[in-house]
Amino acid sequence: MNSRKGAILVICLLVMVAMLLLGSALLVLTQSNYISAGVERDEKRALYTAFAGVEKAIYELNQDGDWSDGTPADFTESLTYQAGGNTYTGAYTVEFKSKSQKDVRIKSKGEVNNSERKIGVRVTR
């Protein structure tokens, strides 16, 4: 009878160790997914920030109706916005390259936290 009690104890210990290992694996997986979701969120915010830079660049171009003054100077601006009750900051950098008086290329780089996204557009008049 004593040998059975010892066998049950060993089985219980093995089950507990297996559950501990499974729990640890789930914890690592959850932490990895949490970090990955945060990086993806920041990358999307950086892309939207780059789009904001393009919108601002088009606005600046439209201030000179026929673009006779050439392209505006390159610029960098910071953004602060709220989402989900939190305040976030980012920045965009815009560069202009004029192919002709009627053809302008805009490059915009958005940065949020450690993520950055770049987009380019061609604007013709």
Protein backbone atom coordinates (compact mmCIF):
# COMPACT_ATOMS: atom_id res chain seq x y z
CA MET A 1 0.00 0.00 0.00
CA ASN A 2 2.87 2.42 0.74
CA SER A 3 4.32 1.88 -2.76
CA ARG A 4 1.01 3.06 -4.29
CA LYS A 5 1.07 6.25 -2.26
CA GLY A 6 4.58 6.94 -3.51
CA ALA A 7 3.53 6.32 -7.13
CA ILE A 8 0.59 8.72 -6.83
CA LEU A 9 2.89 11.38 -5.39
CA VAL A 10 5.30 10.98 -8.32
CA ILE A 11 2.42 11.19 -10.83
CA CYS A 12 1.06 14.32 -9.12
CA LEU A 13 4.50 15.95 -9.23
CA LEU A 14 4.87 15.12 -12.94
CA VAL A 15 1.44 16.59 -13.70
CA MET A 16 2.29 19.74 -11.74
CA VAL A 17 5.61 20.14 -13.59
CA ALA A 18 3.82 19.68 -16.95
CA MET A 19 1.25 22.32 -15.99
CA LEU A 20 4.01 24.69 -14.89
CA LEU A 21 5.81 24.27 -18.22
CA LEU A 22 2.58 24.82 -20.15
CA GLY A 23 1.79 27.94 -18.14
CA SER A 24 5.29 29.30 -18.71
CA ALA A 25 5.00 28.71 -22.45
CA LEU A 26 1.65 30.51 -22.56
CA LEU A 27 3.12 33.43 -20.62
CA VAL A 28 6.00 33.79 -23.11
CA LEU A 29 3.60 33.55 -26.06
CA THR A 30 1.28 36.18 -24.58
CA GLN A 31 4.15 38.55 -23.89
CA SER A 32 5.48 38.11 -27.43
CA ASN A 33 2.05 38.85 -28.93
CA TYR A 34 1.68 41.93 -26.73
CA ILE A 35 5.02 43.33 -27.89
CA SER A 36 4.26 42.51 -31.53
CA ALA A 37 0.88 44.27 -31.33
CA GLY A 38 2.55 47.37 -29.90
CA VAL A 39 5.09 47.47 -32.73
CA GLU A 40 2.34 47.05 -35.33
CA ARG A 41 0.31 49.83 -33.69
CA ASP A 42 3.30 52.20 -33.77
CA GLU A 43 4.02 51.34 -37.42
CA LYS A 44 0.43 52.19 -38.39
CA ARG A 45 0.63 55.46 -36.48
CA ALA A 46 3.91 56.28 -38.23
CA LEU A 47 2.25 55.63 -41.61
CA TYR A 48 -0.69 57.87 -40.75
CA THR A 49 1.77 60.52 -39.58
CA ALA A 50 3.56 60.29 -42.94
CA PHE A 51 0.19 60.75 -44.67
CA ALA A 52 -0.36 63.87 -42.55
CA GLY A 53 2.96 65.17 -43.88
CA VAL A 54 1.81 64.60 -47.46
CA GLU A 55 -1.45 66.44 -46.77
CA LYS A 56 0.46 69.36 -45.29
CA ALA A 57 2.82 69.38 -48.29
CA ILE A 58 -0.09 69.48 -50.74
CA TYR A 59 -1.60 72.31 -48.72
CA GLU A 60 1.69 74.22 -48.95
CA LEU A 61 1.84 73.65 -52.71
CA ASN A 62 -1.72 74.92 -53.12
CA GLN A 63 -0.79 78.18 -51.40
CA ASP A 64 1.11 79.07 -54.59
CA GLY A 65 -1.58 78.58 -57.24
CA ASP A 66 0.68 78.15 -60.28
CA TRP A 67 3.82 77.02 -58.43
CA SER A 68 5.69 79.96 -59.91
CA ASP A 69 7.64 80.38 -56.67
CA GLY A 70 9.09 76.88 -57.00
CA THR A 71 8.58 74.27 -54.32
CA PRO A 72 8.31 75.14 -50.64
CA ALA A 73 11.26 74.46 -48.37
CA ASP A 74 11.55 71.00 -46.81
CA PHE A 75 10.15 70.91 -43.30
CA THR A 76 9.68 68.83 -40.15
CA GLU A 77 6.73 69.13 -37.79
CA SER A 78 5.69 67.41 -34.59
CA LEU A 79 2.20 66.11 -33.92
CA THR A 80 0.32 65.48 -30.71
CA TYR A 81 -2.98 63.66 -30.87
CA GLN A 82 -5.34 61.70 -28.66
CA ALA A 83 -6.67 58.20 -29.22
CA GLY A 84 -8.42 55.95 -26.76
CA GLY A 85 -8.00 58.48 -23.97
CA ASN A 86 -4.20 58.54 -24.37
CA THR A 87 -2.00 61.29 -25.78
CA TYR A 88 0.56 60.36 -28.43
CA THR A 89 3.30 62.28 -30.20
CA GLY A 90 4.95 61.81 -33.54
CA ALA A 91 6.75 63.78 -36.22
CA TYR A 92 6.93 63.95 -39.98
CA THR A 93 9.62 65.19 -42.31
CA VAL A 94 8.68 66.33 -45.81
CA GLU A 95 11.03 66.75 -48.78
CA PHE A 96 10.13 68.30 -52.12
CA LYS A 97 11.81 67.52 -55.43
CA SER A 98 10.76 69.47 -58.48
CA LYS A 99 11.07 67.74 -61.83
CA SER A 100 9.52 70.71 -63.59
CA GLN A 101 7.25 73.61 -62.79
CA LYS A 102 4.30 71.26 -63.20
CA ASP A 103 5.70 68.06 -61.66
CA VAL A 104 6.66 67.78 -57.97
CA ARG A 105 7.60 64.72 -55.96
CA ILE A 106 6.88 64.68 -52.26
CA LYS A 107 8.61 62.34 -49.81
CA SER A 108 7.22 62.13 -46.30
CA LYS A 109 8.65 60.20 -43.36
CA GLY A 110 6.47 59.63 -40.30
CA GLU A 111 8.00 58.67 -36.96
CA VAL A 112 6.23 57.43 -33.84
CA ASN A 113 8.23 55.98 -30.94
CA ASN A 114 10.86 53.77 -32.60
CA SER A 115 8.84 53.13 -35.77
CA GLU A 116 9.11 55.01 -39.02
CA ARG A 117 7.30 54.81 -42.34
CA LYS A 118 8.06 56.57 -45.60
CA ILE A 119 5.76 57.36 -48.50
CA GLY A 120 6.22 59.24 -51.73
CA VAL A 121 3.71 60.87 -54.04
CA ARG A 122 3.92 62.67 -57.34
CA VAL A 123 1.84 65.79 -57.79
CA THR A 124 1.24 67.35 -61.19
CA ARG A 125 -0.44 70.61 -62.06
